[in-house]
């Protein structure tokens, strides 16, 4: 893990609606995530965990404040600029795997690479490497409906890392899995951080999942607190 900040959120404010219907989510929230850290973000439903995660990923705009990722300020960028930035910087992993049902596992993993200027041979090489890393190489020709939930999440993780992004944003990645399969997925995430230096921010409701992280953060009533640091 690096001491240098990889993610810096400064005085972040998010409000939905306007006037009398305005609903504040958080206000003047600060967050610093070092490079290579694996952080878990917990808190009650409606506390703004996913909103914060999506803002860091450029999927939602803040009402006020700033977000810097790898030294690049993302607030105020156009959707086209953010899309190009995400393609090389972020891998997303969600609770529901969001796989294309008509494509086999290999084609699903390959999707982010279609945004990059790569040859077909290079795309295949990267797909095979990502699949091998998460232990799904033997299922590459199968479509999602023929895969178990754990296998589908492995495909989703391979898709998230196939372009070798430095940042993984995970929103309840084990929320739809049984305990044994959740453990397998969390071990993969921990290895990606410790062995490959990926920076990981994971939203979870599960304390057992959060224990895999280097640090646990709690977001509640607009306040962000660090509850444990094992780094």
C-alpha atoms as a PDB file:
ATOM      1  CA  UNK A   1       0.000   0.000   0.000  1.00  0.00           C
ATOM      2  CA  UNK A   2       1.239   3.487  -0.847  1.00  0.00           C
ATOM      3  CA  UNK A   3       1.067   6.432   1.541  1.00  0.00           C
ATOM      4  CA  UNK A   4       0.192   8.723  -1.364  1.00  0.00           C
ATOM      5  CA  UNK A   5      -3.544   9.426  -1.742  1.00  0.00           C
ATOM      6  CA  UNK A   6      -5.125   7.746  -4.729  1.00  0.00           C
ATOM      7  CA  UNK A   7      -8.660   9.014  -4.055  1.00  0.00           C
ATOM      8  CA  UNK A   8      -9.288  12.415  -2.469  1.00  0.00           C
ATOM      9  CA  UNK A   9     -12.846  13.562  -1.766  1.00  0.00           C
ATOM     10  CA  UNK A  10     -13.010  17.115  -0.375  1.00  0.00           C
ATOM     11  CA  UNK A  11     -16.046  18.882   1.149  1.00  0.00           C
ATOM     12  CA  UNK A  12     -18.408  16.664  -0.853  1.00  0.00           C
ATOM     13  CA  UNK A  13     -22.089  17.598  -0.739  1.00  0.00           C
ATOM     14  CA  UNK A  14     -24.933  15.697  -2.349  1.00  0.00           C
ATOM     15  CA  UNK A  15     -28.551  16.825  -2.313  1.00  0.00           C
ATOM     16  CA  UNK A  16     -31.422  15.284  -4.253  1.00  0.00           C
ATOM     17  CA  UNK A  17     -34.239  17.620  -5.280  1.00  0.00           C
ATOM     18  CA  UNK A  18     -34.586  21.361  -4.718  1.00  0.00           C
ATOM     19  CA  UNK A  19     -36.215  23.801  -2.335  1.00  0.00           C
ATOM     20  CA  UNK A  20     -38.627  22.329   0.175  1.00  0.00           C
ATOM     21  CA  UNK A  21     -38.204  18.914  -1.478  1.00  0.00           C
ATOM     22  CA  UNK A  22     -34.414  18.876  -1.128  1.00  0.00           C
ATOM     23  CA  UNK A  23     -33.074  15.729   0.522  1.00  0.00           C
ATOM     24  CA  UNK A  24     -29.468  16.019   1.772  1.00  0.00           C
ATOM     25  CA  UNK A  25     -27.423  12.818   1.581  1.00  0.00           C
ATOM     26  CA  UNK A  26     -24.106  14.086   2.942  1.00  0.00           C
ATOM     27  CA  UNK A  27     -22.450  17.469   3.373  1.00  0.00           C
ATOM     28  CA  UNK A  28     -18.773  18.528   3.605  1.00  0.00           C
ATOM     29  CA  UNK A  29     -17.650  14.925   3.532  1.00  0.00           C
ATOM     30  CA  UNK A  30     -13.908  14.248   3.214  1.00  0.00           C
ATOM     31  CA  UNK A  31     -12.274  10.950   2.277  1.00  0.00           C
ATOM     32  CA  UNK A  32      -8.708   9.951   1.429  1.00  0.00           C
ATOM     33  CA  UNK A  33      -7.855   6.480   0.100  1.00  0.00           C
ATOM     34  CA  UNK A  34      -4.158   5.543  -0.294  1.00  0.00           C
ATOM     35  CA  UNK A  35      -2.989   3.737  -3.412  1.00  0.00           C
ATOM     36  CA  UNK A  36      -3.283  -0.034  -3.092  1.00  0.00           C
ATOM     37  CA  UNK A  37      -5.651   0.139  -0.104  1.00  0.00           C
ATOM     38  CA  UNK A  38      -8.646  -2.160   0.299  1.00  0.00           C
ATOM     39  CA  UNK A  39     -11.329  -0.163   2.115  1.00  0.00           C
ATOM     40  CA  UNK A  40     -14.819  -1.254   3.126  1.00  0.00           C
ATOM     41  CA  UNK A  41     -17.605   1.308   3.394  1.00  0.00           C
ATOM     42  CA  UNK A  42     -20.460   0.426   5.748  1.00  0.00           C
ATOM     43  CA  UNK A  43     -23.510   2.203   7.134  1.00  0.00           C
ATOM     44  CA  UNK A  44     -27.304   1.962   7.319  1.00  0.00           C
ATOM     45  CA  UNK A  45     -29.467   1.884   4.218  1.00  0.00           C
ATOM     46  CA  UNK A  46     -29.956   5.352   2.821  1.00  0.00           C
ATOM     47  CA  UNK A  47     -26.758   6.737   4.347  1.00  0.00           C
ATOM     48  CA  UNK A  48     -25.274   7.535   0.936  1.00  0.00           C
ATOM     49  CA  UNK A  49     -22.711   4.725   0.586  1.00  0.00           C
ATOM     50  CA  UNK A  50     -23.587   3.843  -2.992  1.00  0.00           C
ATOM     51  CA  UNK A  51     -24.059   7.505  -3.885  1.00  0.00           C
ATOM     52  CA  UNK A  52     -20.519   8.245  -2.717  1.00  0.00           C
ATOM     53  CA  UNK A  53     -19.157   5.223  -4.584  1.00  0.00           C
ATOM     54  CA  UNK A  54     -20.923   6.256  -7.785  1.00  0.00           C
ATOM     55  CA  UNK A  55     -19.676   9.827  -7.430  1.00  0.00           C
ATOM     56  CA  UNK A  56     -16.095   8.573  -7.159  1.00  0.00           C
ATOM     57  CA  UNK A  57     -16.713   6.538 -10.299  1.00  0.00           C
ATOM     58  CA  UNK A  58     -18.107   9.528 -12.165  1.00  0.00           C
ATOM     59  CA  UNK A  59     -21.555   7.937 -12.420  1.00  0.00           C
ATOM     60  CA  UNK A  60     -23.167  10.666 -10.294  1.00  0.00           C
ATOM     61  CA  UNK A  61     -22.342  14.344  -9.964  1.00  0.00           C
ATOM     62  CA  UNK A  62     -21.831  16.020  -6.588  1.00  0.00           C
ATOM     63  CA  UNK A  63     -23.915  19.044  -5.637  1.00  0.00           C
ATOM     64  CA  UNK A  64     -20.680  20.647  -4.381  1.00  0.00           C
ATOM     65  CA  UNK A  65     -17.136  19.636  -3.530  1.00  0.00           C
ATOM     66  CA  UNK A  66     -14.356  17.907  -5.434  1.00  0.00           C
ATOM     67  CA  UNK A  67     -13.121  14.408  -6.224  1.00  0.00           C
ATOM     68  CA  UNK A  68      -9.624  13.588  -7.410  1.00  0.00           C
ATOM     69  CA  UNK A  69      -8.639  10.097  -8.582  1.00  0.00           C
ATOM     70  CA  UNK A  70      -4.983   9.368  -9.343  1.00  0.00           C
ATOM     71  CA  UNK A  71      -4.321  13.092  -9.356  1.00  0.00           C
ATOM     72  CA  UNK A  72      -7.087  13.863 -11.836  1.00  0.00           C
ATOM     73  CA  UNK A  73     -10.017  16.070 -10.883  1.00  0.00           C
ATOM     74  CA  UNK A  74     -13.218  14.491 -12.198  1.00  0.00           C
ATOM     75  CA  UNK A  75     -15.894  16.946 -11.034  1.00  0.00           C
ATOM     76  CA  UNK A  76     -17.092  19.095 -13.914  1.00  0.00           C
ATOM     77  CA  UNK A  77     -15.983  16.715 -16.666  1.00  0.00           C
ATOM     78  CA  UNK A  78     -18.348  15.947 -19.541  1.00  0.00           C
ATOM     79  CA  UNK A  79     -19.974  12.523 -19.876  1.00  0.00           C
ATOM     80  CA  UNK A  80     -17.720  11.751 -22.854  1.00  0.00           C
ATOM     81  CA  UNK A  81     -14.607  12.703 -20.870  1.00  0.00           C
ATOM     82  CA  UNK A  82     -15.736  10.624 -17.911  1.00  0.00           C
ATOM     83  CA  UNK A  83     -16.475   7.607 -20.119  1.00  0.00           C
ATOM     84  CA  UNK A  84     -12.967   7.693 -21.596  1.00  0.00           C
ATOM     85  CA  UNK A  85     -11.470   8.142 -18.126  1.00  0.00           C
ATOM     86  CA  UNK A  86     -13.452   5.246 -16.631  1.00  0.00           C
ATOM     87  CA  UNK A  87     -12.410   2.905 -19.445  1.00  0.00           C
ATOM     88  CA  UNK A  88      -8.768   3.021 -18.376  1.00  0.00           C
ATOM     89  CA  UNK A  89      -9.077   3.757 -14.670  1.00  0.00           C
ATOM     90  CA  UNK A  90     -11.981   1.919 -13.029  1.00  0.00           C
ATOM     91  CA  UNK A  91     -13.424  -1.561 -12.876  1.00  0.00           C
ATOM     92  CA  UNK A  92     -16.939  -1.854 -11.435  1.00  0.00           C
ATOM     93  CA  UNK A  93     -18.239  -4.900  -9.546  1.00  0.00           C
ATOM     94  CA  UNK A  94     -21.882  -4.958  -8.450  1.00  0.00           C
ATOM     95  CA  UNK A  95     -24.151  -7.230  -6.416  1.00  0.00           C
ATOM     96  CA  UNK A  96     -26.017  -8.245  -9.547  1.00  0.00           C
ATOM     97  CA  UNK A  97     -23.531  -9.314 -12.142  1.00  0.00           C
ATOM     98  CA  UNK A  98     -24.935  -7.349 -15.100  1.00  0.00           C
ATOM     99  CA  UNK A  99     -23.715  -9.922 -17.606  1.00  0.00           C
ATOM    100  CA  UNK A 100     -25.056  -9.938 -21.160  1.00  0.00           C
ATOM    101  CA  UNK A 101     -27.189 -13.114 -21.308  1.00  0.00           C
ATOM    102  CA  UNK A 102     -26.658 -13.717 -25.027  1.00  0.00           C
ATOM    103  CA  UNK A 103     -22.851 -13.649 -24.718  1.00  0.00           C
ATOM    104  CA  UNK A 104     -20.632 -16.368 -23.291  1.00  0.00           C
ATOM    105  CA  UNK A 105     -18.285 -15.675 -20.381  1.00  0.00           C
ATOM    106  CA  UNK A 106     -15.324 -14.830 -22.624  1.00  0.00           C
ATOM    107  CA  UNK A 107     -17.324 -12.281 -24.608  1.00  0.00           C
ATOM    108  CA  UNK A 108     -18.665 -10.714 -21.405  1.00  0.00           C
ATOM    109  CA  UNK A 109     -15.154 -10.341 -20.021  1.00  0.00           C
ATOM    110  CA  UNK A 110     -13.981  -8.829 -23.307  1.00  0.00           C
ATOM    111  CA  UNK A 111     -16.552  -6.012 -23.375  1.00  0.00           C
ATOM    112  CA  UNK A 112     -14.409  -3.276 -21.713  1.00  0.00           C
ATOM    113  CA  UNK A 113     -11.589  -3.998 -24.163  1.00  0.00           C
ATOM    114  CA  UNK A 114     -13.789  -3.040 -27.102  1.00  0.00           C
ATOM    115  CA  UNK A 115     -13.385   0.581 -25.976  1.00  0.00           C
ATOM    116  CA  UNK A 116      -9.596   0.327 -26.360  1.00  0.00           C
ATOM    117  CA  UNK A 117      -7.398   0.192 -29.455  1.00  0.00           C
ATOM    118  CA  UNK A 118      -6.323  -3.452 -29.174  1.00  0.00           C
ATOM    119  CA  UNK A 119      -5.941  -6.258 -31.671  1.00  0.00           C
ATOM    120  CA  UNK A 120      -8.154  -9.322 -31.466  1.00  0.00           C
ATOM    121  CA  UNK A 121      -5.186 -11.419 -30.335  1.00  0.00           C
ATOM    122  CA  UNK A 122      -4.367  -8.966 -27.548  1.00  0.00           C
ATOM    123  CA  UNK A 123      -8.002  -8.933 -26.390  1.00  0.00           C
ATOM    124  CA  UNK A 124      -8.046 -12.737 -26.266  1.00  0.00           C
ATOM    125  CA  UNK A 125      -4.776 -12.788 -24.337  1.00  0.00           C
ATOM    126  CA  UNK A 126      -6.127 -10.352 -21.755  1.00  0.00           C
ATOM    127  CA  UNK A 127      -9.421 -12.231 -21.421  1.00  0.00           C
ATOM    128  CA  UNK A 128      -7.585 -15.499 -20.797  1.00  0.00           C
ATOM    129  CA  UNK A 129      -5.255 -13.873 -18.268  1.00  0.00           C
ATOM    130  CA  UNK A 130      -8.111 -12.254 -16.331  1.00  0.00           C
ATOM    131  CA  UNK A 131     -10.153 -15.463 -16.368  1.00  0.00           C
ATOM    132  CA  UNK A 132      -7.188 -17.481 -15.119  1.00  0.00           C
ATOM    133  CA  UNK A 133      -6.582 -14.984 -12.317  1.00  0.00           C
ATOM    134  CA  UNK A 134     -10.106 -15.463 -10.914  1.00  0.00           C
ATOM    135  CA  UNK A 135     -10.345 -19.192 -11.639  1.00  0.00           C
ATOM    136  CA  UNK A 136     -12.999 -19.188 -14.344  1.00  0.00           C
ATOM    137  CA  UNK A 137     -10.932 -20.300 -17.387  1.00  0.00           C
ATOM    138  CA  UNK A 138     -12.762 -23.627 -17.643  1.00  0.00           C
ATOM    139  CA  UNK A 139     -16.143 -21.882 -18.113  1.00  0.00           C
ATOM    140  CA  UNK A 140     -15.323 -19.294 -20.759  1.00  0.00           C
ATOM    141  CA  UNK A 141     -17.564 -20.842 -23.427  1.00  0.00           C
ATOM    142  CA  UNK A 142     -20.639 -20.943 -21.190  1.00  0.00           C
ATOM    143  CA  UNK A 143     -23.369 -18.316 -21.139  1.00  0.00           C
ATOM    144  CA  UNK A 144     -24.470 -16.768 -17.826  1.00  0.00           C
ATOM    145  CA  UNK A 145     -27.539 -18.976 -17.438  1.00  0.00           C
ATOM    146  CA  UNK A 146     -25.263 -22.039 -17.342  1.00  0.00           C
ATOM    147  CA  UNK A 147     -23.102 -20.565 -14.569  1.00  0.00           C
ATOM    148  CA  UNK A 148     -23.641 -20.532 -10.818  1.00  0.00           C
ATOM    149  CA  UNK A 149     -23.905 -17.249  -8.939  1.00  0.00           C
ATOM    150  CA  UNK A 150     -20.307 -17.516  -7.792  1.00  0.00           C
ATOM    151  CA  UNK A 151     -19.109 -18.255 -11.316  1.00  0.00           C
ATOM    152  CA  UNK A 152     -21.049 -15.294 -12.672  1.00  0.00           C
ATOM    153  CA  UNK A 153     -19.426 -13.014 -10.085  1.00  0.00           C
ATOM    154  CA  UNK A 154     -16.007 -14.361 -11.065  1.00  0.00           C
ATOM    155  CA  UNK A 155     -16.815 -13.456 -14.655  1.00  0.00           C
ATOM    156  CA  UNK A 156     -17.867  -9.980 -13.466  1.00  0.00           C
ATOM    157  CA  UNK A 157     -14.580  -9.568 -11.564  1.00  0.00           C
ATOM    158  CA  UNK A 158     -12.594 -10.724 -14.598  1.00  0.00           C
ATOM    159  CA  UNK A 159     -14.486  -8.173 -16.699  1.00  0.00           C
ATOM    160  CA  UNK A 160     -13.656  -5.479 -14.141  1.00  0.00           C
ATOM    161  CA  UNK A 161      -9.912  -6.209 -14.191  1.00  0.00           C
ATOM    162  CA  UNK A 162      -9.390  -7.176 -17.855  1.00  0.00           C
ATOM    163  CA  UNK A 163      -8.277  -3.671 -18.850  1.00  0.00           C
ATOM    164  CA  UNK A 164      -5.942  -3.574 -15.815  1.00  0.00           C
ATOM    165  CA  UNK A 165      -7.551  -0.550 -14.100  1.00  0.00           C
ATOM    166  CA  UNK A 166      -5.843   0.691 -10.925  1.00  0.00           C
ATOM    167  CA  UNK A 167      -9.185   1.193  -9.099  1.00  0.00           C
ATOM    168  CA  UNK A 168     -11.998  -1.267  -8.369  1.00  0.00           C
ATOM    169  CA  UNK A 169     -15.321   0.043  -7.062  1.00  0.00           C
ATOM    170  CA  UNK A 170     -17.471  -2.726  -5.580  1.00  0.00           C
ATOM    171  CA  UNK A 171     -21.111  -2.274  -4.546  1.00  0.00           C
ATOM    172  CA  UNK A 172     -22.269  -5.210  -2.378  1.00  0.00           C
ATOM    173  CA  UNK A 173     -20.213  -7.707  -4.446  1.00  0.00           C
ATOM    174  CA  UNK A 174     -21.171 -10.629  -2.177  1.00  0.00           C
ATOM    175  CA  UNK A 175     -24.760  -9.585  -1.467  1.00  0.00           C
ATOM    176  CA  UNK A 176     -26.262 -12.278  -3.698  1.00  0.00           C
ATOM    177  CA  UNK A 177     -23.898 -15.103  -2.731  1.00  0.00           C
ATOM    178  CA  UNK A 178     -23.824 -17.814  -0.076  1.00  0.00           C
ATOM    179  CA  UNK A 179     -21.187 -17.658   2.651  1.00  0.00           C
ATOM    180  CA  UNK A 180     -18.715 -20.095   1.071  1.00  0.00           C
ATOM    181  CA  UNK A 181     -18.878 -18.402  -2.317  1.00  0.00           C
ATOM    182  CA  UNK A 182     -18.655 -14.965  -0.690  1.00  0.00           C
ATOM    183  CA  UNK A 183     -15.420 -16.035   0.982  1.00  0.00           C
ATOM    184  CA  UNK A 184     -13.975 -17.120  -2.378  1.00  0.00           C
ATOM    185  CA  UNK A 185     -14.877 -13.775  -3.976  1.00  0.00           C
ATOM    186  CA  UNK A 186     -13.479 -11.774  -1.044  1.00  0.00           C
ATOM    187  CA  UNK A 187     -10.227 -13.731  -1.151  1.00  0.00           C
ATOM    188  CA  UNK A 188      -9.915 -12.769  -4.828  1.00  0.00           C
ATOM    189  CA  UNK A 189     -10.474  -9.090  -4.007  1.00  0.00           C
ATOM    190  CA  UNK A 190      -7.934  -9.173  -1.188  1.00  0.00           C
ATOM    191  CA  UNK A 191      -5.371 -10.805  -3.491  1.00  0.00           C
ATOM    192  CA  UNK A 192      -5.986  -8.169  -6.161  1.00  0.00           C
ATOM    193  CA  UNK A 193      -5.146  -5.483  -3.602  1.00  0.00           C
ATOM    194  CA  UNK A 194      -2.230  -7.128  -1.830  1.00  0.00           C
ATOM    195  CA  UNK A 195      -0.580  -8.888  -4.789  1.00  0.00           C
ATOM    196  CA  UNK A 196      -1.418  -6.592  -7.714  1.00  0.00           C
ATOM    197  CA  UNK A 197      -1.691  -3.261  -5.918  1.00  0.00           C
ATOM    198  CA  UNK A 198      -5.284  -2.525  -6.915  1.00  0.00           C
ATOM    199  CA  UNK A 199      -7.035   0.169  -4.910  1.00  0.00           C
ATOM    200  CA  UNK A 200     -10.421  -1.187  -3.827  1.00  0.00           C
ATOM    201  CA  UNK A 201     -13.395   0.609  -2.277  1.00  0.00           C
ATOM    202  CA  UNK A 202     -16.190  -1.808  -1.353  1.00  0.00           C
ATOM    203  CA  UNK A 203     -19.684  -0.947  -0.119  1.00  0.00           C
ATOM    204  CA  UNK A 204     -21.095  -3.724   2.047  1.00  0.00           C
ATOM    205  CA  UNK A 205     -23.676  -4.381   4.768  1.00  0.00           C
ATOM    206  CA  UNK A 206     -21.876  -7.554   5.845  1.00  0.00           C
ATOM    207  CA  UNK A 207     -19.371  -7.194   8.728  1.00  0.00           C
ATOM    208  CA  UNK A 208     -17.755 -10.497   7.716  1.00  0.00           C
ATOM    209  CA  UNK A 209     -17.081  -9.100   4.242  1.00  0.00           C
ATOM    210  CA  UNK A 210     -15.776  -5.838   5.667  1.00  0.00           C
ATOM    211  CA  UNK A 211     -13.231  -7.785   7.761  1.00  0.00           C
ATOM    212  CA  UNK A 212     -11.337  -8.613   4.567  1.00  0.00           C
ATOM    213  CA  UNK A 213     -10.533  -4.931   4.044  1.00  0.00           C
ATOM    214  CA  UNK A 214      -7.524  -3.059   5.414  1.00  0.00           C
ATOM    215  CA  UNK A 215      -9.803  -0.388   6.839  1.00  0.00           C
ATOM    216  CA  UNK A 216     -13.505  -0.137   7.613  1.00  0.00           C
ATOM    217  CA  UNK A 217     -15.269   3.195   7.183  1.00  0.00           C
ATOM    218  CA  UNK A 218     -18.766   3.918   8.455  1.00  0.00           C
ATOM    219  CA  UNK A 219     -21.020   6.495   6.817  1.00  0.00           C
ATOM    220  CA  UNK A 220     -23.984   7.542   8.938  1.00  0.00           C
ATOM    221  CA  UNK A 221     -25.949  10.800   9.067  1.00  0.00           C
ATOM    222  CA  UNK A 222     -23.489  12.399   6.697  1.00  0.00           C
ATOM    223  CA  UNK A 223     -20.484  11.620   8.902  1.00  0.00           C
ATOM    224  CA  UNK A 224     -17.649   9.316   7.823  1.00  0.00           C
ATOM    225  CA  UNK A 225     -15.658   7.541  10.520  1.00  0.00           C
ATOM    226  CA  UNK A 226     -12.798   5.015  10.387  1.00  0.00           C
ATOM    227  CA  UNK A 227     -13.612   2.152  12.733  1.00  0.00           C
ATOM    228  CA  UNK A 228     -10.608  -0.120  12.163  1.00  0.00           C
ATOM    229  CA  UNK A 229      -7.272  -0.065  10.383  1.00  0.00           C
ATOM    230  CA  UNK A 230      -5.184  -3.229  10.094  1.00  0.00           C
ATOM    231  CA  UNK A 231      -2.717  -1.904   7.494  1.00  0.00           C
END
